[in-house]
Amino acid sequence: MVKHIVLYTLKDGVEKEKAVELIRSVLEPLVGQIPGLRHLEVRQAYQGLDYALYSEFDSKQALAEYAEHPLHTAAKEHFFHLLASRYSADYEC
């Protein structure tokens, strides 16, 4: 299994609570729709970052396929313009 963690900051002027709820609403439903995606959650973050995404995949290959999957790329169109920065890490269990 591969765990994928991403921490984000939003652009100045973006309402954090509304943005996080929007992001959650378009990404969390992808579980069960994209092969190899086991779990995904989006939550508001603390200590200088705006939100965190935590997800689990069957394999490195599943994570790579998720990144390019049409449902994922379509979901990103709803919120990617709101992002200021992104930090990610992946690890195997």
N, C-alpha and C. Protein backbone atom coordinates (compact mmCIF):
# COMPACT_ATOMS: atom_id res chain seq x y z
N MET A 1 0.85 -1.18 0.00
CA MET A 1 0.00 0.00 0.00
C MET A 1 0.89 1.23 0.00
N VAL A 2 0.42 2.28 -0.68
CA VAL A 2 1.11 3.57 -0.73
C VAL A 2 0.22 4.62 -0.08
N LYS A 3 0.81 5.40 0.80
CA LYS A 3 0.10 6.52 1.41
C LYS A 3 0.61 7.81 0.77
N HIS A 4 -0.33 8.70 0.47
CA HIS A 4 -0.05 9.94 -0.26
C HIS A 4 -0.60 11.08 0.59
N ILE A 5 0.28 11.98 1.01
CA ILE A 5 -0.11 13.11 1.85
C ILE A 5 0.27 14.40 1.14
N VAL A 6 -0.68 15.32 1.06
CA VAL A 6 -0.42 16.60 0.42
C VAL A 6 -0.92 17.71 1.35
N LEU A 7 -0.09 18.73 1.53
CA LEU A 7 -0.44 19.90 2.34
C LEU A 7 -0.49 21.11 1.42
N TYR A 8 -1.50 21.93 1.59
CA TYR A 8 -1.75 23.05 0.68
C TYR A 8 -1.91 24.36 1.43
N THR A 9 -1.59 25.44 0.73
CA THR A 9 -2.01 26.77 1.14
C THR A 9 -2.86 27.33 0.00
N LEU A 10 -3.81 28.14 0.38
CA LEU A 10 -4.71 28.76 -0.59
C LEU A 10 -4.24 30.17 -0.90
N LYS A 11 -4.63 30.69 -2.03
CA LYS A 11 -4.29 32.06 -2.40
C LYS A 11 -4.93 33.04 -1.43
N ASP A 12 -4.31 34.20 -1.28
CA ASP A 12 -4.87 35.26 -0.44
C ASP A 12 -6.28 35.61 -0.92
N GLY A 13 -7.17 35.82 0.02
CA GLY A 13 -8.54 36.21 -0.29
C GLY A 13 -9.51 35.06 -0.48
N VAL A 14 -9.01 33.83 -0.54
CA VAL A 14 -9.88 32.68 -0.69
C VAL A 14 -10.44 32.31 0.68
N GLU A 15 -11.75 32.12 0.77
CA GLU A 15 -12.38 31.72 2.03
C GLU A 15 -12.05 30.26 2.31
N LYS A 16 -11.25 30.04 3.36
CA LYS A 16 -10.71 28.71 3.65
C LYS A 16 -11.80 27.66 3.83
N GLU A 17 -12.79 27.93 4.67
CA GLU A 17 -13.80 26.92 4.96
C GLU A 17 -14.57 26.51 3.70
N LYS A 18 -14.95 27.49 2.89
CA LYS A 18 -15.70 27.18 1.66
C LYS A 18 -14.82 26.42 0.67
N ALA A 19 -13.57 26.82 0.56
CA ALA A 19 -12.66 26.16 -0.37
C ALA A 19 -12.41 24.72 0.03
N VAL A 20 -12.18 24.48 1.32
CA VAL A 20 -11.92 23.12 1.78
C VAL A 20 -13.15 22.24 1.55
N GLU A 21 -14.32 22.78 1.79
CA GLU A 21 -15.54 21.99 1.56
C GLU A 21 -15.71 21.69 0.07
N LEU A 22 -15.41 22.65 -0.80
CA LEU A 22 -15.48 22.41 -2.24
C LEU A 22 -14.51 21.30 -2.65
N ILE A 23 -13.28 21.41 -2.18
CA ILE A 23 -12.26 20.42 -2.52
C ILE A 23 -12.67 19.04 -2.02
N ARG A 24 -13.14 18.99 -0.80
CA ARG A 24 -13.60 17.71 -0.23
C ARG A 24 -14.73 17.13 -1.09
N SER A 25 -15.65 17.97 -1.50
CA SER A 25 -16.84 17.49 -2.22
C SER A 25 -16.52 16.93 -3.60
N VAL A 26 -15.43 17.38 -4.21
CA VAL A 26 -15.10 16.85 -5.54
C VAL A 26 -14.06 15.72 -5.49
N LEU A 27 -13.26 15.65 -4.43
CA LEU A 27 -12.23 14.61 -4.37
C LEU A 27 -12.66 13.36 -3.62
N GLU A 28 -13.31 13.50 -2.48
CA GLU A 28 -13.65 12.31 -1.69
C GLU A 28 -14.55 11.32 -2.43
N PRO A 29 -15.48 11.77 -3.27
CA PRO A 29 -16.31 10.81 -4.01
C PRO A 29 -15.55 9.98 -5.05
N LEU A 30 -14.29 10.30 -5.30
CA LEU A 30 -13.52 9.53 -6.28
C LEU A 30 -13.19 8.13 -5.78
N VAL A 31 -13.24 7.94 -4.46
CA VAL A 31 -13.02 6.60 -3.91
C VAL A 31 -14.12 5.68 -4.44
N GLY A 32 -13.72 4.56 -4.99
CA GLY A 32 -14.68 3.64 -5.59
C GLY A 32 -14.89 3.89 -7.07
N GLN A 33 -14.42 5.03 -7.56
CA GLN A 33 -14.56 5.35 -8.98
C GLN A 33 -13.24 5.23 -9.74
N ILE A 34 -12.13 5.30 -9.00
CA ILE A 34 -10.81 5.20 -9.63
C ILE A 34 -10.13 3.95 -9.09
N PRO A 35 -9.77 3.02 -9.97
CA PRO A 35 -9.14 1.78 -9.53
C PRO A 35 -7.87 2.05 -8.70
N GLY A 36 -7.73 1.30 -7.61
CA GLY A 36 -6.54 1.41 -6.78
C GLY A 36 -6.58 2.48 -5.71
N LEU A 37 -7.56 3.37 -5.75
CA LEU A 37 -7.72 4.40 -4.72
C LEU A 37 -8.56 3.81 -3.61
N ARG A 38 -7.95 3.56 -2.46
CA ARG A 38 -8.62 2.91 -1.33
C ARG A 38 -9.33 3.90 -0.41
N HIS A 39 -8.70 5.05 -0.19
CA HIS A 39 -9.20 6.01 0.81
C HIS A 39 -8.70 7.39 0.43
N LEU A 40 -9.52 8.41 0.67
CA LEU A 40 -9.11 9.79 0.45
C LEU A 40 -9.93 10.67 1.37
N GLU A 41 -9.23 11.56 2.06
CA GLU A 41 -9.93 12.53 2.90
C GLU A 41 -9.24 13.88 2.80
N VAL A 42 -10.04 14.92 2.88
CA VAL A 42 -9.57 16.30 2.84
C VAL A 42 -10.05 16.97 4.11
N ARG A 43 -9.12 17.62 4.82
CA ARG A 43 -9.46 18.29 6.07
C ARG A 43 -8.73 19.62 6.18
N GLN A 44 -9.35 20.55 6.88
CA GLN A 44 -8.70 21.82 7.16
C GLN A 44 -7.48 21.55 8.03
N ALA A 45 -6.39 22.26 7.77
CA ALA A 45 -5.13 22.05 8.49
C ALA A 45 -4.85 23.22 9.43
N TYR A 46 -3.80 23.05 10.24
CA TYR A 46 -3.39 24.04 11.23
C TYR A 46 -1.93 24.39 11.01
N GLN A 47 -1.44 25.33 11.76
CA GLN A 47 -0.03 25.73 11.80
C GLN A 47 0.48 26.24 10.46
N GLY A 48 -0.23 27.17 9.86
CA GLY A 48 0.26 27.84 8.67
C GLY A 48 -0.15 27.26 7.34
N LEU A 49 -0.71 26.06 7.33
CA LEU A 49 -1.20 25.46 6.10
C LEU A 49 -2.72 25.45 6.14
N ASP A 50 -3.34 25.46 4.97
CA ASP A 50 -4.80 25.59 4.93
C ASP A 50 -5.55 24.26 4.93
N TYR A 51 -5.05 23.28 4.19
CA TYR A 51 -5.73 21.99 4.23
C TYR A 51 -4.78 20.86 3.90
N ALA A 52 -5.20 19.67 4.29
CA ALA A 52 -4.40 18.47 4.07
C ALA A 52 -5.25 17.44 3.33
N LEU A 53 -4.60 16.72 2.43
CA LEU A 53 -5.22 15.60 1.74
C LEU A 53 -4.44 14.35 2.13
N TYR A 54 -5.16 13.35 2.58
CA TYR A 54 -4.55 12.05 2.92
C TYR A 54 -5.25 11.00 2.07
N SER A 55 -4.46 10.16 1.40
CA SER A 55 -5.06 9.10 0.59
C SER A 55 -4.21 7.85 0.62
N GLU A 56 -4.84 6.73 0.31
CA GLU A 56 -4.19 5.43 0.28
C GLU A 56 -4.47 4.76 -1.05
N PHE A 57 -3.41 4.13 -1.59
CA PHE A 57 -3.49 3.47 -2.89
C PHE A 57 -2.96 2.06 -2.79
N ASP A 58 -3.41 1.21 -3.68
CA ASP A 58 -2.96 -0.17 -3.72
C ASP A 58 -1.46 -0.29 -4.01
N SER A 59 -0.94 0.65 -4.82
CA SER A 59 0.45 0.55 -5.26
C SER A 59 0.94 1.90 -5.79
N LYS A 60 2.25 1.96 -6.08
CA LYS A 60 2.81 3.16 -6.74
C LYS A 60 2.15 3.36 -8.10
N GLN A 61 1.93 2.25 -8.79
CA GLN A 61 1.29 2.31 -10.11
C GLN A 61 -0.13 2.91 -10.00
N ALA A 62 -0.88 2.49 -8.99
CA ALA A 62 -2.24 3.03 -8.80
C ALA A 62 -2.20 4.53 -8.53
N LEU A 63 -1.23 4.98 -7.75
CA LEU A 63 -1.08 6.42 -7.49
C LEU A 63 -0.75 7.16 -8.77
N ALA A 64 0.16 6.62 -9.57
CA ALA A 64 0.52 7.25 -10.84
C ALA A 64 -0.68 7.32 -11.78
N GLU A 65 -1.48 6.27 -11.82
CA GLU A 65 -2.66 6.26 -12.69
C GLU A 65 -3.73 7.22 -12.19
N TYR A 66 -3.87 7.34 -10.88
CA TYR A 66 -4.81 8.30 -10.28
C TYR A 66 -4.45 9.72 -10.71
N ALA A 67 -3.18 10.05 -10.70
CA ALA A 67 -2.74 11.41 -11.03
C ALA A 67 -3.20 11.83 -12.43
N GLU A 68 -3.29 10.86 -13.34
CA GLU A 68 -3.67 11.16 -14.73
C GLU A 68 -5.10 10.75 -15.07
N HIS A 69 -5.80 10.18 -14.13
CA HIS A 69 -7.15 9.68 -14.40
C HIS A 69 -8.07 10.84 -14.77
N PRO A 70 -8.92 10.67 -15.79
CA PRO A 70 -9.81 11.75 -16.21
C PRO A 70 -10.74 12.28 -15.11
N LEU A 71 -11.21 11.42 -14.22
CA LEU A 71 -12.06 11.90 -13.13
C LEU A 71 -11.28 12.80 -12.16
N HIS A 72 -10.04 12.45 -11.91
CA HIS A 72 -9.20 13.26 -11.02
C HIS A 72 -8.85 14.60 -11.68
N THR A 73 -8.45 14.56 -12.94
CA THR A 73 -8.10 15.82 -13.61
C THR A 73 -9.33 16.73 -13.74
N ALA A 74 -10.50 16.16 -13.95
CA ALA A 74 -11.72 16.96 -14.01
C ALA A 74 -12.04 17.58 -12.64
N ALA A 75 -11.84 16.81 -11.58
CA ALA A 75 -12.10 17.33 -10.23
C ALA A 75 -11.18 18.50 -9.91
N LYS A 76 -9.91 18.40 -10.30
CA LYS A 76 -8.95 19.47 -10.02
C LYS A 76 -9.34 20.79 -10.68
N GLU A 77 -10.05 20.74 -11.79
CA GLU A 77 -10.46 21.96 -12.48
C GLU A 77 -11.34 22.85 -11.60
N HIS A 78 -12.01 22.25 -10.62
CA HIS A 78 -12.90 22.99 -9.73
C HIS A 78 -12.16 23.84 -8.71
N PHE A 79 -10.90 23.47 -8.40
CA PHE A 79 -10.23 24.15 -7.30
C PHE A 79 -8.77 24.49 -7.51
N PHE A 80 -8.12 23.97 -8.53
CA PHE A 80 -6.67 24.17 -8.65
C PHE A 80 -6.30 25.65 -8.74
N HIS A 81 -7.19 26.45 -9.29
CA HIS A 81 -6.93 27.90 -9.41
C HIS A 81 -6.91 28.60 -8.05
N LEU A 82 -7.38 27.95 -6.99
CA LEU A 82 -7.42 28.53 -5.65
C LEU A 82 -6.12 28.31 -4.88
N LEU A 83 -5.25 27.45 -5.37
CA LEU A 83 -4.07 27.02 -4.63
C LEU A 83 -2.88 27.96 -4.80
N ALA A 84 -2.19 28.20 -3.68
CA ALA A 84 -0.96 28.99 -3.71
C ALA A 84 0.27 28.08 -3.67
N SER A 85 0.22 27.03 -2.84
CA SER A 85 1.37 26.12 -2.74
C SER A 85 0.91 24.71 -2.39
N ARG A 86 1.81 23.77 -2.67
CA ARG A 86 1.50 22.35 -2.48
C ARG A 86 2.78 21.63 -2.09
N TYR A 87 2.70 20.83 -1.04
CA TYR A 87 3.83 20.01 -0.58
C TYR A 87 3.32 18.58 -0.43
N SER A 88 4.02 17.62 -1.00
CA SER A 88 3.52 16.26 -0.94
C SER A 88 4.61 15.27 -0.54
N ALA A 89 4.17 14.13 -0.03
CA ALA A 89 5.05 13.02 0.31
C ALA A 89 4.28 11.73 0.12
N ASP A 90 4.98 10.72 -0.36
CA ASP A 90 4.40 9.40 -0.55
C ASP A 90 5.31 8.40 0.15
N TYR A 91 4.71 7.35 0.69
CA TYR A 91 5.51 6.29 1.29
C TYR A 91 4.75 4.97 1.24
N GLU A 92 5.52 3.90 1.23
CA GLU A 92 4.93 2.56 1.18
C GLU A 92 4.82 1.96 2.57
N CYS A 93 3.79 1.17 2.77
CA CYS A 93 3.58 0.46 4.03
C CYS A 93 3.66 -1.03 3.79
